[in-house]
Amino acid sequence: MSPILIQVIQFFLSLSLLIVLHELGHFIPAKLFKTRVEKFYLFFDIKFSLFKKKIGETVYGIGWLPLGGYVKIAGMIDESMDTEAMKEEPKEWEFRSKPAWQRLIIMLGGVTVNFVLAVIIYVGLAFAYGDEYVSADSLKDGFWVTEKTLGDKLGVQTGDQILAVDGNKIKEFRNTLPEIVYGETMTIVRDGRTFDQQIPVDFISTLSEDKEKVRFINLRVPFIIKEVSKGSINTGIDFQKFDEVVKINDVDVAYLDEVKPILEENKGKEITVTVKRLAGNLETITAKVSDEGALGIALGALTMKEIAERGYFDIETKKYSFMESIPAGIDKGVTTLNNYIKGMKKIFNPDTGAYKEVGGFAAIGGLFPEKWDWPVFWNTTAFISIILAFMNILPIPALDGGHVAFLLYEMVTGRKPSDKFLETAQMIGFFILIALLLFANGNDLYKWLFK
C-alpha cells in the first residue's frame, strides 16, 4: 500500500474519532439537561449528506465536507445560522431557556473531552509500552552539531551540552530540540564552563528554510564499520564488520564527528587507521581516502542499545504499573498542552517567522507515519486532540470558546447578549475561521509547490 495512502487513512480515522468524541462532549450534557439535539453530524452536510438517519428527535449523519462536525442544539445560534426558530418564543427544551451554568457546561464539553481523551491515550501508552529515552545527563562529551551553519546561528557547537532551556532542566535528549524551538534562553556547558545563551528570536524561521537539516543536534556515536561498500576505493582492505575506528594517523578518535574532518584533510591520500576488533584487539590498516573525503565504508553496524552498552550514553527504560501510568499520562498531557501554547505565542510574534510553519490538513496528515505503527498513531492522535482542545477554546465567535466568552459575560454582568449580536458575532467568527483555514492550507500548498 502507498505510504501516502496509509497516512491518509490514519488521518481520516484519527480525525473522525476526535470529531465524534468532541461532539459527544456537547451532546451528552445537552441530553442530561433535557436540551433537544436536532442533528449530530460527522463532517459538514452542506446541501446533502452521505448518510443520515433519524433516531428519536435527533438526525445522525455523515456529511461530505471533512472540515469538522457539529451538533445542532435547538435554540442556539451556531454554525448552521438557522435563525428562524429564534424568532419564536423560547421553549423549555431549547438551549436558550437553560440556566447559564448548564449552557456553559454544554459548551465546555467538547474541549474537555478532547483533553481528557489525550490524557487517556497517554495513560494507555505509558501502561502498554512504558518509556525509553537517552538520558541527557549521560552525554559526557556533549552532542554532535551536524549542520555547522545552524549551530552557529543558534550559538552551539559539537561537544556542548544543553543543561536547561528557560531554567527547565532537560532530562531526555530527545526533548532538546523541541525545548529550543519553544524557548528563549539555553544554559550551556562548554569545556567545563557554564553560561546562558539567548535563542535567536527567528530561529524557527531558520529551521523552516531547510527541513532536511532540522535535526542538526544528534548523539555523538563511534565510527563503527558495517561493511566496505561495493566499488569502494578500499575494496579488498581488511576492514571487518563491527570494527571501531579509534585512531587515524596517530590521532586518537572516539566519535564519528572527529573522523570526518581528518578525512577532509587527507582527500586523495593514504592514511593509517587503527581499529578495535570485536574481540578487543587493535589492528592498524593502511587505507585510501577518496577525493570526496570518504573511506567508502557503510556505517550502522550497532543498534542504539549496543552503542549504549559500550558506554557512550545511557538509555533509561521506564515501565509503569496501571496506577503509575495515570500521573505519567496526565503529566504528558499537560506538558504537551504547555508546549503547544508556547508554540502559539511564537506564531503570533511576527519576528519569529513561526507563522510560516502554520499548516493545514496536509501538515496534520504528515504527522502520521508512512508505515502503520499503532503507538505512533495513538501518540499523534493524542497530540491532535490537544490541538483541537486548545483551538476550540480560543475566544473566537463560531468556536466553543466564543460561546463560552459570551456566557461568562452573561454570568458576570447578568445581561445576556441579544440574538442579533450573537448572529453578527457568529458571522464574523465564521469569516475569521475561513481566513485561518485558507492561510493554513495555503501554506501547505506553497510549500508543496515551491519547497
Protein backbone atom coordinates (compact mmCIF):
# COMPACT_ATOMS: atom_id res chain seq x y z
CA MET A 1 0.00 0.00 0.00
CA SER A 2 1.23 3.50 -0.84
CA PRO A 3 2.81 5.39 2.13
CA ILE A 4 0.69 8.45 1.30
CA LEU A 5 -2.48 6.31 1.31
CA ILE A 6 -1.52 4.90 4.71
CA GLN A 7 -1.12 8.44 6.03
CA VAL A 8 -4.47 9.49 4.55
CA ILE A 9 -6.27 6.51 6.13
CA GLN A 10 -4.70 7.24 9.52
CA PHE A 11 -5.57 10.92 9.21
CA PHE A 12 -9.26 10.30 8.49
CA LEU A 13 -9.51 7.57 11.14
CA SER A 14 -7.99 9.84 13.76
CA LEU A 15 -9.97 12.91 12.69
CA SER A 16 -13.27 11.02 12.62
CA LEU A 17 -12.67 9.62 16.11
CA LEU A 18 -11.77 13.04 17.51
CA ILE A 19 -14.73 14.81 15.88
CA VAL A 20 -17.28 12.26 17.06
CA LEU A 21 -15.96 12.30 20.63
CA HIS A 22 -15.76 16.10 20.65
CA GLU A 23 -19.37 16.39 19.57
CA LEU A 24 -20.37 13.76 22.13
CA GLY A 25 -18.87 16.13 24.68
CA HIS A 26 -21.63 18.60 23.73
CA PHE A 27 -24.33 16.02 23.05
CA ILE A 28 -24.22 14.16 26.38
CA PRO A 29 -24.56 17.17 28.75
CA ALA A 30 -27.20 18.65 26.43
CA LYS A 31 -29.27 15.48 26.80
CA LEU A 32 -28.62 15.34 30.56
CA PHE A 33 -30.02 18.87 30.87
CA LYS A 34 -33.02 17.86 28.72
CA THR A 35 -31.99 20.05 25.79
CA ARG A 36 -33.12 18.93 22.36
CA VAL A 37 -30.36 18.00 19.90
CA GLU A 38 -31.68 18.18 16.35
CA LYS A 39 -28.57 16.96 14.47
CA PHE A 40 -25.38 15.03 15.22
CA TYR A 41 -23.01 15.07 12.23
CA LEU A 42 -19.56 13.82 11.36
CA PHE A 43 -18.31 16.27 8.69
CA PHE A 44 -20.49 19.02 7.23
CA ASP A 45 -23.60 18.28 5.19
CA ILE A 46 -23.82 21.39 3.01
CA LYS A 47 -26.64 20.74 0.52
CA PHE A 48 -26.59 16.96 1.04
CA SER A 49 -25.46 14.11 3.29
CA LEU A 50 -23.63 10.90 2.52
CA PHE A 51 -25.72 9.20 5.19
CA LYS A 52 -28.41 10.21 7.65
CA LYS A 53 -30.91 8.52 9.91
CA LYS A 54 -33.34 9.98 12.43
CA ILE A 55 -33.45 8.28 15.80
CA GLY A 56 -35.84 9.87 18.26
CA GLU A 57 -35.60 13.64 17.95
CA THR A 58 -32.05 13.63 16.52
CA VAL A 59 -30.83 13.14 12.95
CA TYR A 60 -27.48 11.33 12.90
CA GLY A 61 -25.44 11.64 9.73
CA ILE A 62 -22.20 11.89 7.81
CA GLY A 63 -21.57 14.93 5.61
CA TRP A 64 -19.39 15.13 2.52
CA LEU A 65 -17.15 18.05 3.58
CA PRO A 66 -14.47 16.80 6.02
CA LEU A 67 -13.76 20.11 7.76
CA GLY A 68 -15.16 19.09 11.13
CA GLY A 69 -18.50 18.11 12.55
CA TYR A 70 -21.30 19.55 14.64
CA VAL A 71 -24.29 19.00 16.85
CA LYS A 72 -27.26 21.29 16.17
CA ILE A 73 -28.77 22.16 19.51
CA ALA A 74 -32.26 23.63 19.48
CA GLY A 75 -32.48 27.28 20.47
CA MET A 76 -28.83 28.06 19.84
CA ILE A 77 -27.21 30.29 17.25
CA ASP A 78 -24.45 28.12 15.80
CA GLU A 79 -22.65 27.36 12.53
CA SER A 80 -25.95 26.34 10.88
CA MET A 81 -27.09 30.01 11.13
CA ASP A 82 -30.70 28.77 11.42
CA THR A 83 -32.25 31.88 12.95
CA GLU A 84 -35.90 31.24 12.05
CA ALA A 85 -36.59 29.29 15.23
CA MET A 86 -35.04 32.08 17.30
CA LYS A 87 -37.88 34.40 16.27
CA GLU A 88 -40.38 32.22 18.18
CA GLU A 89 -40.97 32.19 21.90
CA PRO A 90 -38.32 30.13 23.80
CA LYS A 91 -39.31 26.53 24.54
CA GLU A 92 -38.31 24.79 27.76
CA TRP A 93 -36.25 22.22 25.83
CA GLU A 94 -34.20 24.85 23.98
CA PHE A 95 -30.61 25.82 24.75
CA ARG A 96 -31.53 29.49 25.31
CA SER A 97 -34.02 28.51 28.01
CA LYS A 98 -31.47 26.73 30.18
CA PRO A 99 -29.61 28.38 33.06
CA ALA A 100 -26.27 29.92 32.10
CA TRP A 101 -24.27 27.36 34.12
CA GLN A 102 -25.89 24.49 32.20
CA ARG A 103 -25.19 26.19 28.85
CA LEU A 104 -21.59 26.72 29.95
CA ILE A 105 -21.15 23.02 30.75
CA ILE A 106 -22.65 22.07 27.38
CA MET A 107 -20.24 24.39 25.54
CA LEU A 108 -17.18 23.27 27.51
CA GLY A 109 -18.00 19.59 26.95
CA GLY A 110 -16.18 19.26 23.62
CA VAL A 111 -12.80 20.69 24.65
CA THR A 112 -12.99 18.82 27.95
CA VAL A 113 -13.46 15.53 26.12
CA ASN A 114 -10.55 16.33 23.78
CA PHE A 115 -8.13 16.97 26.63
CA VAL A 116 -9.36 14.02 28.71
CA LEU A 117 -9.11 11.77 25.64
CA ALA A 118 -5.48 12.83 25.09
CA VAL A 119 -4.66 12.04 28.72
CA ILE A 120 -6.38 8.64 28.47
CA ILE A 121 -4.33 7.83 25.36
CA TYR A 122 -1.10 8.90 27.07
CA VAL A 123 -2.01 6.80 30.10
CA GLY A 124 -2.64 3.80 27.85
CA LEU A 125 0.64 4.28 26.01
CA ALA A 126 2.59 4.59 29.26
CA PHE A 127 0.98 1.43 30.65
CA ALA A 128 1.29 -0.63 27.44
CA TYR A 129 4.71 0.45 26.21
CA GLY A 130 6.42 2.29 29.04
CA ASP A 131 9.04 4.83 28.07
CA GLU A 132 12.58 4.69 26.74
CA TYR A 133 14.94 7.59 26.18
CA VAL A 134 18.58 8.67 26.20
CA SER A 135 19.41 10.48 29.43
CA ALA A 136 20.71 13.98 28.64
CA ASP A 137 22.98 13.84 31.71
CA SER A 138 24.75 10.75 30.33
CA LEU A 139 26.29 12.59 27.36
CA LYS A 140 29.70 13.05 28.97
CA ASP A 141 31.17 14.65 25.83
CA GLY A 142 28.08 16.59 24.76
CA PHE A 143 26.20 16.31 21.48
CA TRP A 144 27.09 16.47 17.80
CA VAL A 145 26.13 19.50 15.69
CA THR A 146 25.78 18.01 12.21
CA GLU A 147 24.99 21.31 10.46
CA LYS A 148 27.53 23.97 11.42
CA THR A 149 25.53 26.82 9.84
CA LEU A 150 22.53 26.08 12.05
CA GLY A 151 24.78 25.53 15.06
CA ASP A 152 26.47 28.90 14.52
CA LYS A 153 23.07 30.60 14.19
CA LEU A 154 21.94 29.07 17.48
CA GLY A 155 25.31 29.51 19.18
CA VAL A 156 26.07 25.84 19.87
CA GLN A 157 28.88 23.56 18.74
CA THR A 158 29.86 19.92 18.87
CA GLY A 159 30.80 18.92 22.42
CA ASP A 160 28.31 21.30 24.05
CA GLN A 161 25.72 20.08 26.50
CA ILE A 162 22.47 21.97 26.99
CA LEU A 163 21.51 21.65 30.65
CA ALA A 164 18.27 23.61 30.57
CA VAL A 165 16.03 25.86 28.49
CA ASP A 166 14.35 28.79 30.24
CA GLY A 167 15.51 27.29 33.53
CA ASN A 168 13.80 23.94 32.90
CA LYS A 169 16.26 21.05 33.14
CA ILE A 170 16.45 18.79 30.10
CA LYS A 171 16.25 15.19 31.26
CA GLU A 172 15.66 13.46 27.94
CA PHE A 173 17.96 14.14 24.99
CA ARG A 174 15.04 13.82 22.52
CA ASN A 175 13.45 16.92 24.10
CA THR A 176 16.46 19.15 23.43
CA LEU A 177 15.40 20.50 20.04
CA PRO A 178 11.67 20.94 20.89
CA GLU A 179 12.64 22.86 24.04
CA ILE A 180 14.95 25.09 21.98
CA VAL A 181 12.19 25.77 19.45
CA TYR A 182 9.77 26.87 22.19
CA GLY A 183 12.34 28.55 24.44
CA GLU A 184 14.20 31.83 24.78
CA THR A 185 17.37 31.07 26.77
CA MET A 186 19.65 28.00 26.93
CA THR A 187 22.02 27.03 29.74
CA ILE A 188 25.10 25.51 28.06
CA VAL A 189 28.13 23.66 29.37
CA ARG A 190 31.19 24.07 27.13
CA ASP A 191 34.73 22.99 28.07
CA GLY A 192 33.77 22.92 31.74
CA ARG A 193 32.24 26.42 31.64
CA THR A 194 28.50 27.01 32.22
CA PHE A 195 26.82 30.03 30.64
CA ASP A 196 23.46 31.24 29.32
CA GLN A 197 22.89 31.73 25.60
CA GLN A 198 19.94 33.59 24.05
CA ILE A 199 17.98 31.67 21.43
CA PRO A 200 17.59 33.83 18.28
CA VAL A 201 14.01 35.06 18.06
CA ASP A 202 13.80 33.99 14.40
CA PHE A 203 15.36 30.56 14.86
CA ILE A 204 12.11 28.77 13.94
CA SER A 205 12.18 30.60 10.61
CA THR A 206 15.80 29.50 10.10
CA LEU A 207 14.86 25.85 10.70
CA SER A 208 11.94 26.06 8.28
CA GLU A 209 14.26 27.03 5.42
CA ASP A 210 15.68 23.50 5.18
CA LYS A 211 13.54 20.75 6.73
CA GLU A 212 16.08 18.06 5.83
CA LYS A 213 18.62 19.61 8.20
CA VAL A 214 16.24 20.36 11.04
CA ARG A 215 17.56 17.52 13.23
CA PHE A 216 21.01 19.06 13.40
CA ILE A 217 21.62 18.16 17.07
CA ASN A 218 22.49 14.49 17.35
CA LEU A 219 24.08 11.99 19.68
CA ARG A 220 27.84 11.53 19.39
CA VAL A 221 28.44 7.95 18.30
CA PRO A 222 31.57 5.92 17.49
CA PHE A 223 32.77 5.17 13.94
CA ILE A 224 31.63 1.54 13.67
CA ILE A 225 32.15 -0.23 10.35
CA LYS A 226 29.30 -2.26 8.91
CA GLU A 227 30.88 -3.21 5.59
CA VAL A 228 33.03 -1.93 2.75
CA SER A 229 30.70 -0.51 0.12
CA LYS A 230 30.60 -2.05 -3.36
CA GLY A 231 33.04 -0.32 -5.70
CA SER A 232 34.74 1.35 -2.75
CA ILE A 233 38.24 2.74 -3.04
CA ASN A 234 39.09 0.39 -0.16
CA THR A 235 37.71 -2.84 -1.64
CA GLY A 236 39.92 -5.71 -0.50
CA ILE A 237 41.25 -3.85 2.55
CA ASP A 238 40.92 -5.82 5.79
CA PHE A 239 38.09 -3.84 7.33
CA GLN A 240 35.67 -6.11 9.24
CA LYS A 241 32.13 -5.75 10.47
CA PHE A 242 31.99 -4.17 13.97
CA ASP A 243 35.49 -2.66 13.65
CA GLU A 244 35.64 0.56 15.68
CA VAL A 245 37.97 3.28 14.40
CA VAL A 246 39.99 4.56 17.37
CA LYS A 247 42.97 6.29 15.69
CA ILE A 248 43.81 7.85 12.32
CA ASN A 249 47.41 8.83 11.55
CA ASP A 250 48.28 8.64 15.25
CA VAL A 251 45.38 10.97 16.16
CA ASP A 252 43.04 9.38 18.73
CA VAL A 253 39.34 9.49 17.78
CA ALA A 254 36.39 8.50 19.92
CA TYR A 255 33.48 9.73 17.81
CA LEU A 256 32.29 9.73 14.22
CA ASP A 257 32.30 13.52 14.15
CA GLU A 258 36.05 13.51 14.92
CA VAL A 259 36.80 11.26 11.93
CA LYS A 260 35.17 13.40 9.25
CA PRO A 261 37.46 16.48 9.49
CA ILE A 262 40.56 14.23 9.42
CA LEU A 263 39.33 12.59 6.22
CA GLU A 264 38.64 16.02 4.73
CA GLU A 265 42.26 16.99 5.39
CA ASN A 266 43.52 13.82 3.71
CA LYS A 267 41.49 13.76 0.48
CA GLY A 268 43.18 11.58 -2.14
CA LYS A 269 45.84 10.36 0.29
CA GLU A 270 46.72 7.17 2.14
CA ILE A 271 46.18 7.06 5.89
CA THR A 272 46.75 4.59 8.70
CA VAL A 273 43.60 3.53 10.51
CA THR A 274 43.73 1.79 13.86
CA VAL A 275 40.60 -0.27 14.54
CA LYS A 276 39.43 -2.09 17.60
CA ARG A 277 38.14 -5.52 16.62
CA LEU A 278 35.03 -7.03 18.15
CA ALA A 279 37.30 -9.36 20.17
CA GLY A 280 39.04 -6.30 21.67
CA ASN A 281 42.41 -6.47 19.87
CA LEU A 282 43.80 -3.48 17.92
CA GLU A 283 44.80 -3.65 14.25
CA THR A 284 46.43 -0.93 12.13
CA ILE A 285 45.39 -0.79 8.48
CA THR A 286 46.60 1.33 5.58
CA ALA A 287 43.63 2.74 3.68
CA LYS A 288 42.88 5.28 0.99
CA VAL A 289 40.74 8.42 1.23
CA SER A 290 38.72 9.32 -1.86
CA ASP A 291 38.82 12.74 -3.48
CA GLU A 292 35.47 13.39 -1.75
CA GLY A 293 36.96 12.72 1.67
CA ALA A 294 35.40 9.29 2.25
CA LEU A 295 36.63 5.78 3.02
CA GLY A 296 33.83 4.11 1.08
CA ILE A 297 32.55 2.35 4.18
CA ALA A 298 28.96 1.72 5.29
CA LEU A 299 28.20 2.50 8.93
CA GLY A 300 25.43 1.47 11.31
CA ALA A 301 26.53 -1.98 12.45
CA LEU A 302 25.37 -1.36 16.02
CA THR A 303 21.93 -0.58 17.41
CA MET A 304 21.37 2.28 19.84
CA LYS A 305 21.25 -0.18 22.73
CA GLU A 306 24.54 -1.73 21.66
CA ILE A 307 26.18 1.70 21.47
CA ALA A 308 24.79 2.49 24.94
CA GLU A 309 26.26 -0.79 26.23
CA ARG A 310 29.68 0.49 25.12
CA GLY A 311 29.28 3.43 27.50
CA TYR A 312 28.62 6.30 25.08
CA PHE A 313 25.33 7.24 26.73
CA ASP A 314 22.66 5.75 28.97
CA ILE A 315 19.25 4.58 27.78
CA GLU A 316 16.69 4.90 30.54
CA THR A 317 13.78 2.46 30.44
CA LYS A 318 10.65 3.01 32.48
CA LYS A 319 7.83 0.55 32.97
CA TYR A 320 4.61 1.77 34.55
CA SER A 321 2.01 -0.08 36.56
CA PHE A 322 -1.55 0.98 35.80
CA MET A 323 -1.64 3.34 38.79
CA GLU A 324 1.77 4.81 37.88
CA SER A 325 0.68 5.35 34.29
CA ILE A 326 -2.12 7.73 35.37
CA PRO A 327 0.09 10.58 36.68
CA ALA A 328 2.54 9.89 33.84
CA GLY A 329 -0.28 10.33 31.29
CA ILE A 330 -1.57 13.48 32.97
CA ASP A 331 1.93 14.95 33.05
CA LYS A 332 2.42 14.18 29.35
CA GLY A 333 -0.92 15.80 28.50
CA VAL A 334 -0.17 18.97 30.49
CA THR A 335 3.37 19.20 29.09
CA THR A 336 2.13 18.78 25.52
CA LEU A 337 -0.51 21.48 26.04
CA ASN A 338 2.03 23.87 27.58
CA ASN A 339 4.45 23.33 24.69
CA TYR A 340 1.68 23.94 22.17
CA ILE A 341 0.75 27.19 23.91
CA LYS A 342 4.42 28.26 23.78
CA GLY A 343 4.40 27.47 20.07
CA MET A 344 1.27 29.56 19.52
CA LYS A 345 2.92 32.52 21.26
CA LYS A 346 5.77 32.22 18.77
CA ILE A 347 3.30 32.16 15.87
CA PHE A 348 1.67 35.41 16.99
CA ASN A 349 5.08 37.12 17.17
CA PRO A 350 5.93 38.07 13.55
CA ASP A 351 9.63 38.41 14.41
CA THR A 352 9.93 34.64 14.95
CA GLY A 353 8.75 33.73 11.46
CA ALA A 354 6.85 30.86 13.08
CA TYR A 355 3.70 31.80 11.15
CA LYS A 356 5.41 30.29 8.08
CA GLU A 357 5.12 26.88 9.74
CA VAL A 358 1.36 27.06 10.26
CA GLY A 359 -0.08 24.13 8.33
CA GLY A 360 -3.44 22.77 7.31
CA PHE A 361 -4.69 19.29 6.53
CA ALA A 362 -1.56 18.22 4.65
CA ALA A 363 0.65 19.24 7.58
CA ILE A 364 -1.55 17.36 10.04
CA GLY A 365 -1.63 14.30 7.78
CA GLY A 366 2.15 14.44 7.58
CA LEU A 367 2.35 13.89 11.34
CA PHE A 368 1.31 10.28 10.81
CA PRO A 369 3.92 7.65 9.90
CA GLU A 370 4.20 6.21 6.40
CA LYS A 371 4.04 2.71 7.85
CA TRP A 372 1.28 1.60 10.17
CA ASP A 373 2.53 1.94 13.74
CA TRP A 374 -0.13 1.85 16.47
CA PRO A 375 1.91 3.56 19.22
CA VAL A 376 2.80 6.41 16.84
CA PHE A 377 -0.79 6.59 15.58
CA TRP A 378 -2.19 6.95 19.10
CA ASN A 379 0.50 9.38 20.18
CA THR A 380 -0.25 11.56 17.14
CA THR A 381 -4.00 11.31 17.77
CA ALA A 382 -3.48 12.47 21.36
CA PHE A 383 -1.41 15.42 20.14
CA ILE A 384 -4.08 16.44 17.59
CA SER A 385 -6.75 16.09 20.29
CA ILE A 386 -4.88 18.62 22.42
CA ILE A 387 -4.57 20.94 19.42
CA LEU A 388 -8.34 20.71 18.89
CA ALA A 389 -8.99 21.39 22.57
CA PHE A 390 -6.80 24.48 22.56
CA MET A 391 -8.03 25.86 19.23
CA ASN A 392 -11.68 25.36 20.12
CA ILE A 393 -11.37 27.19 23.44
CA LEU A 394 -9.97 30.33 21.77
CA PRO A 395 -12.48 33.20 22.29
CA ILE A 396 -13.40 33.41 18.61
CA PRO A 397 -17.11 33.59 17.76
CA ALA A 398 -18.23 30.39 15.98
CA LEU A 399 -15.85 28.34 18.15
CA ASP A 400 -16.74 26.87 21.53
CA GLY A 401 -14.51 29.48 23.15
CA GLY A 402 -16.56 32.30 21.62
CA HIS A 403 -19.77 30.89 23.11
CA VAL A 404 -18.01 30.40 26.45
CA ALA A 405 -16.81 34.03 26.42
CA PHE A 406 -20.36 35.31 25.87
CA LEU A 407 -21.72 33.01 28.57
CA LEU A 408 -19.12 34.19 31.08
CA TYR A 409 -20.04 37.79 30.23
CA GLU A 410 -23.69 36.95 30.88
CA MET A 411 -22.90 35.22 34.19
CA VAL A 412 -20.75 38.13 35.42
CA THR A 413 -22.94 41.03 34.28
CA GLY A 414 -26.35 39.37 34.43
CA ARG A 415 -27.05 40.65 30.91
CA LYS A 416 -27.49 38.26 28.01
CA PRO A 417 -26.18 39.38 24.58
CA SER A 418 -29.00 39.92 22.09
CA ASP A 419 -29.73 37.33 19.41
CA LYS A 420 -28.85 39.92 16.76
CA PHE A 421 -25.45 40.49 18.36
CA LEU A 422 -24.82 36.73 18.54
CA GLU A 423 -25.80 36.32 14.88
CA THR A 424 -23.36 39.06 13.82
CA ALA A 425 -20.60 37.65 16.04
CA GLN A 426 -21.18 34.18 14.59
CA MET A 427 -20.80 35.51 11.04
CA ILE A 428 -17.61 37.42 11.95
CA GLY A 429 -16.21 34.32 13.63
CA PHE A 430 -17.09 32.22 10.61
CA PHE A 431 -15.13 34.52 8.27
CA ILE A 432 -12.17 34.54 10.69
CA LEU A 433 -12.14 30.73 10.63
CA ILE A 434 -12.35 30.65 6.83
CA ALA A 435 -9.43 33.08 6.65
CA LEU A 436 -7.35 30.96 9.04
CA LEU A 437 -8.27 27.82 7.11
CA LEU A 438 -7.23 29.39 3.80
CA PHE A 439 -3.97 30.68 5.30
CA ALA A 440 -3.01 27.32 6.85
CA ASN A 441 -3.81 25.25 3.78
CA GLY A 442 -2.32 27.96 1.54
CA ASN A 443 0.94 27.47 3.45
CA ASP A 444 0.75 23.75 2.72
CA LEU A 445 0.19 24.44 -0.98
CA TYR A 446 3.05 26.95 -1.11
CA LYS A 447 5.49 24.51 0.50
CA TRP A 448 4.39 21.75 -1.88
CA LEU A 449 4.85 23.93 -4.96
CA PHE A 450 8.00 25.85 -4.07
CA LYS A 451 9.93 23.86 -1.43
